[in-house]
Amino acid sequence: MSENQNLLAEQRRALILDEVRRRGGVRVNELTRKLNVSDMTVRRDLDALARQGVIEKVHGGAVPVVEASTHEPGFEAKSALELSAKEDIARAAAAMAVPGSAIALSGGTTTYALAQHLLDVPDLTVVTNSVRVADVFHAAQRPGSPGSRPGAATVVLTGGVRTPSDSLVGPVADRAIASLHFDVLFLGVHGISVEGGLSTPNLAEAETNRRFVQSARRVVVVADHTKWGTVGLSSFATLEQVHTFVTDAGLSGGAREEIEEHLPGLVVAGRAAGGEPAQD
């Protein structure tokens, strides 16, 4: 981590979280030297990360929270994490949507951010199993409502059983998705790794995502750097089924090399912590 007195709090906390996960724990005095900030600033950052449930504070530092492979956080909890990264990813992914095409968006907070950028792409047909994503497009279709957009996408919301992340899954959703065909699928994931491929802690969601992948001509995974190396309970696709992985500049150099060995397309969006544009 490079020293930078002017890092925004969110950038600083992302660096701290990455360091904790990479090393399995850090000490406060190490972070003050690396980030060139005060002891009090580091402790405030650790408090904020602990409240989000992503680290555990210990005497003199912090260690990562080890989550069970079946743990599935709710939409609101995930919404508070990696906000800048999700915006960077959403902007980059939206540029891949072709006007007039049929696309699919899975559930998740990153696809929710993407939906808001897709409002500027005309004449899309959007199929989604996300209640939150559908709400974005429905609001844009209402004449006279704040944020309404002429030519906003036509939306097909699948039925199904609602998950903690506000996705609709199960046999009803699966049958609806299996009968359709998409030019591109924008897919949010709980975890992506070499050994586990794409995975989720929810068994029903895994089956629904599997149907999404099977119905798409092109699969674009949208996920921030913390998802790389994470393995959920159930795998639903291999890395070979992914055409492009859009992530953020928090991804380490070693992870980029590993991903490029297994995936045909890697897009790293946004800026690195030191302010330099990320390199694809």
Foldseek 3Di string as FASTA:
>chain_A
DAADQPFDLQQLLLVQLVVQVVVQWDFLVVSCVRHVHDSVSSVVSVVVCVVLVQWADDVRTIGGDDDALLDDAAQVSQLVHPVVFLLQLLVVVLVVDAAQFEEEEEFHNSSLSNLLVVQPRANYAYEYQAPSSVVNQVQLCDPPHPNHDPRGYHYDHFAADQDSHRGHFDDRLLVVLLVAAGAEYEYEAQADEQVQHGAHSDPRVLSSVLSNLVRYPAYEYEYEQVRYPDHHDDGNDHLVSHAEYEYEPSHDPVSVVVSVVRYVYYHYTDARSVGHGHDD
